[in-house]
C-alpha atoms as a PDB file:
ATOM      1  CA  MET A   1     -20.500 -15.418 -44.436  1.00  0.00           C
ATOM      2  CA  LYS A   2     -18.393 -12.055 -45.070  1.00  0.00           C
ATOM      3  CA  HIS A   3     -20.132  -8.504 -46.707  1.00  0.00           C
ATOM      4  CA  TYR A   4     -18.876  -7.510 -50.068  1.00  0.00           C
ATOM      5  CA  GLU A   5     -19.309  -4.956 -52.879  1.00  0.00           C
ATOM      6  CA  LEU A   6     -18.968  -5.286 -56.606  1.00  0.00           C
ATOM      7  CA  LEU A   7     -18.952  -2.813 -58.488  1.00  0.00           C
ATOM      8  CA  PHE A   8     -18.494  -3.063 -62.307  1.00  0.00           C
ATOM      9  CA  ILE A   9     -18.863  -1.139 -65.749  1.00  0.00           C
ATOM     10  CA  LEU A  10     -20.169  -2.573 -68.923  1.00  0.00           C
ATOM     11  CA  LYS A  11     -19.636  -1.193 -72.259  1.00  0.00           C
ATOM     12  CA  PRO A  12     -22.084   1.296 -73.611  1.00  0.00           C
ATOM     13  CA  THR A  13     -22.422  -0.126 -76.607  1.00  0.00           C
ATOM     14  CA  LEU A  14     -24.178  -3.087 -75.087  1.00  0.00           C
ATOM     15  CA  THR A  15     -28.196  -3.191 -76.051  1.00  0.00           C
ATOM     16  CA  GLU A  16     -30.744  -3.860 -73.008  1.00  0.00           C
ATOM     17  CA  GLU A  17     -30.856  -7.531 -73.430  1.00  0.00           C
ATOM     18  CA  GLU A  18     -27.042  -7.846 -73.459  1.00  0.00           C
ATOM     19  CA  VAL A  19     -26.823  -5.802 -70.452  1.00  0.00           C
ATOM     20  CA  LYS A  20     -29.332  -7.975 -68.620  1.00  0.00           C
ATOM     21  CA  ALA A  21     -27.835 -11.236 -69.284  1.00  0.00           C
ATOM     22  CA  LYS A  22     -24.213  -9.784 -68.117  1.00  0.00           C
ATOM     23  CA  VAL A  23     -25.906  -8.713 -64.945  1.00  0.00           C
ATOM     24  CA  ASP A  24     -27.893 -11.975 -64.580  1.00  0.00           C
ATOM     25  CA  PHE A  25     -24.532 -14.091 -65.249  1.00  0.00           C
ATOM     26  CA  VAL A  26     -22.736 -12.287 -62.404  1.00  0.00           C
ATOM     27  CA  LYS A  27     -25.913 -12.548 -59.978  1.00  0.00           C
ATOM     28  CA  GLU A  28     -25.657 -16.328 -61.217  1.00  0.00           C
ATOM     29  CA  VAL A  29     -22.259 -16.815 -60.190  1.00  0.00           C
ATOM     30  CA  ILE A  30     -22.836 -15.644 -56.996  1.00  0.00           C
ATOM     31  CA  THR A  31     -25.347 -17.481 -56.090  1.00  0.00           C
ATOM     32  CA  LYS A  32     -24.190 -21.124 -57.442  1.00  0.00           C
ATOM     33  CA  ASN A  33     -21.198 -20.518 -55.526  1.00  0.00           C
ATOM     34  CA  GLY A  34     -22.932 -19.970 -52.129  1.00  0.00           C
ATOM     35  CA  GLY A  35     -23.544 -16.360 -51.720  1.00  0.00           C
ATOM     36  CA  GLU A  36     -26.657 -14.384 -51.062  1.00  0.00           C
ATOM     37  CA  ILE A  37     -27.247 -11.233 -53.279  1.00  0.00           C
ATOM     38  CA  ALA A  38     -28.867  -8.391 -50.880  1.00  0.00           C
ATOM     39  CA  THR A  39     -29.607  -5.644 -53.765  1.00  0.00           C
ATOM     40  CA  VAL A  40     -28.275  -4.738 -57.168  1.00  0.00           C
ATOM     41  CA  VAL A  41     -28.190  -0.877 -58.079  1.00  0.00           C
ATOM     42  CA  GLU A  42     -28.090  -0.002 -61.390  1.00  0.00           C
ATOM     43  CA  MET A  43     -26.225   3.313 -61.690  1.00  0.00           C
ATOM     44  CA  GLY A  44     -26.743   4.031 -65.333  1.00  0.00           C
ATOM     45  CA  THR A  45     -24.455   5.434 -68.277  1.00  0.00           C
ATOM     46  CA  ARG A  46     -21.914   7.834 -67.075  1.00  0.00           C
ATOM     47  CA  LYS A  47     -18.837   9.362 -68.289  1.00  0.00           C
ATOM     48  CA  LEU A  48     -15.665   7.541 -67.498  1.00  0.00           C
ATOM     49  CA  ALA A  49     -13.001   9.793 -65.617  1.00  0.00           C
ATOM     50  CA  TYR A  50     -10.862   8.444 -68.388  1.00  0.00           C
ATOM     51  CA  THR A  51     -10.592   6.710 -71.807  1.00  0.00           C
ATOM     52  CA  ILE A  52     -10.612   2.551 -71.231  1.00  0.00           C
ATOM     53  CA  LYS A  53     -10.478   0.400 -74.073  1.00  0.00           C
ATOM     54  CA  LYS A  54     -11.354   2.895 -76.457  1.00  0.00           C
ATOM     55  CA  TYR A  55     -14.811   3.720 -74.245  1.00  0.00           C
ATOM     56  CA  GLU A  56     -15.492   7.196 -72.634  1.00  0.00           C
ATOM     57  CA  ARG A  57     -18.538   6.308 -71.402  1.00  0.00           C
ATOM     58  CA  GLY A  58     -19.717   3.172 -69.642  1.00  0.00           C
ATOM     59  CA  THR A  59     -22.871   1.709 -67.795  1.00  0.00           C
ATOM     60  CA  TYR A  60     -22.373   1.101 -63.852  1.00  0.00           C
ATOM     61  CA  PHE A  61     -23.544  -1.685 -61.439  1.00  0.00           C
ATOM     62  CA  VAL A  62     -23.135  -2.408 -58.038  1.00  0.00           C
ATOM     63  CA  ILE A  63     -23.980  -5.537 -56.221  1.00  0.00           C
ATOM     64  CA  TYR A  64     -24.326  -5.730 -52.452  1.00  0.00           C
ATOM     65  CA  TYR A  65     -23.819  -9.351 -51.212  1.00  0.00           C
ATOM     66  CA  LYS A  66     -23.029 -12.149 -48.732  1.00  0.00           C
ATOM     67  CA  ALA A  67     -20.629 -15.164 -49.637  1.00  0.00           C
ATOM     68  CA  PRO A  68     -18.116 -16.992 -48.157  1.00  0.00           C
ATOM     69  CA  PRO A  69     -14.272 -15.971 -49.056  1.00  0.00           C
ATOM     70  CA  ALA A  70     -13.805 -18.829 -51.504  1.00  0.00           C
ATOM     71  CA  LEU A  71     -16.545 -16.988 -53.754  1.00  0.00           C
ATOM     72  CA  LEU A  72     -13.990 -14.026 -54.317  1.00  0.00           C
ATOM     73  CA  ALA A  73     -11.458 -15.803 -56.353  1.00  0.00           C
ATOM     74  CA  GLU A  74     -14.035 -17.441 -58.786  1.00  0.00           C
ATOM     75  CA  LEU A  75     -16.220 -14.187 -59.207  1.00  0.00           C
ATOM     76  CA  THR A  76     -12.979 -12.376 -59.923  1.00  0.00           C
ATOM     77  CA  ARG A  77     -11.859 -15.176 -62.333  1.00  0.00           C
ATOM     78  CA  ASN A  78     -15.530 -14.822 -63.939  1.00  0.00           C
ATOM     79  CA  VAL A  79     -15.538 -10.982 -64.111  1.00  0.00           C
ATOM     80  CA  ARG A  80     -11.934 -10.682 -65.723  1.00  0.00           C
ATOM     81  CA  ILE A  81     -12.883 -13.214 -68.510  1.00  0.00           C
ATOM     82  CA  THR A  82     -16.016 -11.611 -69.019  1.00  0.00           C
ATOM     83  CA  GLU A  83     -14.995  -9.157 -72.520  1.00  0.00           C
ATOM     84  CA  ASP A  84     -17.916  -6.882 -72.009  1.00  0.00           C
ATOM     85  CA  ILE A  85     -17.092  -5.978 -68.582  1.00  0.00           C
ATOM     86  CA  ILE A  86     -14.296  -3.035 -68.866  1.00  0.00           C
ATOM     87  CA  ARG A  87     -13.564  -2.541 -65.330  1.00  0.00           C
ATOM     88  CA  PHE A  88     -14.626  -3.964 -61.903  1.00  0.00           C
ATOM     89  CA  LEU A  89     -13.560  -3.150 -58.444  1.00  0.00           C
ATOM     90  CA  SER A  90     -14.630  -5.475 -55.551  1.00  0.00           C
ATOM     91  CA  VAL A  91     -14.708  -4.204 -51.744  1.00  0.00           C
ATOM     92  CA  LYS A  92     -14.696  -6.506 -48.414  1.00  0.00           C
ATOM     93  CA  TYR A  93     -16.419  -5.023 -45.542  1.00  0.00           C
ATOM     94  CA  GLU A  94     -14.317  -6.510 -42.385  1.00  0.00           C
ATOM     95  CA  ASN A  95     -15.054  -4.745 -38.928  1.00  0.00           C
ATOM     96  CA  LYS A  96     -18.629  -3.979 -37.285  1.00  0.00           C
ATOM     97  CA  ARG A  97     -18.616  -0.481 -38.369  1.00  0.00           C
ATOM     98  CA  GLU A  98     -17.706  -1.049 -42.078  1.00  0.00           C
ATOM     99  CA  ILE A  99     -20.536  -4.260 -41.725  1.00  0.00           C
ATOM    100  CA  ALA A 100     -23.067  -1.634 -40.064  1.00  0.00           C
ATOM    101  CA  ALA A 101     -22.281   0.936 -43.224  1.00  0.00           C
ATOM    102  CA  TRP A 102     -23.464  -2.083 -45.695  1.00  0.00           C
ATOM    103  CA  GLU A 103     -26.569  -2.656 -43.969  1.00  0.00           C
ATOM    104  CA  ARG A 104     -27.353   1.020 -44.202  1.00  0.00           C
ATOM    105  CA  LEU A 105     -26.218   1.032 -48.089  1.00  0.00           C
ATOM    106  CA  CYS A 106     -28.675  -1.803 -48.704  1.00  0.00           C
ATOM    107  CA  LYS A 107     -31.667  -0.590 -46.390  1.00  0.00           C
ATOM    108  CA  GLY A 108     -31.117   2.972 -47.900  1.00  0.00           C
ATOM    109  CA  ILE A 109     -31.067   1.780 -51.283  1.00  0.00           C
ATOM    110  CA  LYS A 110     -34.249  -0.603 -50.874  1.00  0.00           C
ATOM    111  CA  GLN A 111     -36.175   2.408 -49.421  1.00  0.00           C
ATOM    112  CA  THR A 112     -34.902   4.846 -52.125  1.00  0.00           C
ATOM    113  CA  ILE A 113     -36.275   2.324 -54.760  1.00  0.00           C
ATOM    114  CA  LYS A 114     -39.432   1.716 -53.168  1.00  0.00           C
ATOM    115  CA  LYS A 115     -40.413   5.589 -53.117  1.00  0.00           C
ATOM    116  CA  GLU A 116     -42.719   6.778 -55.480  1.00  0.00           C
ATOM    117  CA  PRO A 117     -41.339   9.459 -58.074  1.00  0.00           C
ATOM    118  CA  ARG A 118     -42.002  12.850 -56.954  1.00  0.00           C
ATOM    119  CA  GLU A 119     -44.121  15.543 -58.975  1.00  0.00           C
ATOM    120  CA  PRO A 120     -41.891  18.153 -60.999  1.00  0.00           C
ATOM    121  CA  ARG A 121     -41.228  21.743 -59.498  1.00  0.00           C
ATOM    122  CA  ALA A 122     -42.732  24.706 -61.333  1.00  0.00           C
ATOM    123  CA  PRO A 123     -40.320  26.414 -62.906  1.00  0.00           C
ATOM    124  CA  ARG A 124     -39.107  29.320 -61.068  1.00  0.00           C
ATOM    125  CA  GLU A 125     -39.406  33.067 -61.765  1.00  0.00           C
ATOM    126  CA  PRO A 126     -36.131  34.838 -62.344  1.00  0.00           C
ATOM    127  CA  ARG A 127     -35.126  37.162 -59.770  1.00  0.00           C
ATOM    128  CA  VAL A 128     -34.726  41.039 -61.048  1.00  0.00           C
ATOM    129  CA  GLU A 129     -33.348  43.085 -58.398  1.00  0.00           C
ATOM    130  CA  LYS A 130     -33.659  47.114 -58.885  1.00  0.00           C
ATOM    131  CA  VAL A 131     -30.768  48.937 -59.319  1.00  0.00           C
ATOM    132  CA  ASP A 132     -30.268  52.639 -57.704  1.00  0.00           C
ATOM    133  CA  GLU A 133     -29.990  54.825 -60.539  1.00  0.00           C
ATOM    134  CA  GLN A 134     -27.745  57.490 -58.556  1.00  0.00           C
ATOM    135  CA  THR A 135     -24.579  55.113 -58.479  1.00  0.00           C
ATOM    136  CA  PHE A 136     -24.367  54.792 -61.783  1.00  0.00           C
ATOM    137  CA  THR A 137     -24.290  58.709 -62.733  1.00  0.00           C
ATOM    138  CA  GLU A 138     -20.820  60.262 -63.497  1.00  0.00           C
ATOM    139  CA  GLU A 139     -19.717  63.160 -61.748  1.00  0.00           C
END
């Protein structure tokens, strides 16, 4: 089994139920074809670097998974024919260093998800610096 990462961008006009259905569809394609999903990260709606299919924003998702190499072709085919996915990128982690990085990413993401949210900080008071009056006097 190889280690992979799939980043895809959904249309920003989708409702929460439609977004969940599309993510579940991608996860189902992976699991039905012999893959194991490590983590799914929702990165939220962000501004795109450039307009794609007349959209300036998109909802980003990253899925880290292990799968046999034959799955990649099937997953790519399914993602391409899904109209609500406006862009995708699949990354394969090959050597030991990359696989270790993949495991750290998955482990780090799981730990950040489990952490409780911090309490907001109190606002800072503005810094006021005293200015020496003698430097502004004209001679």
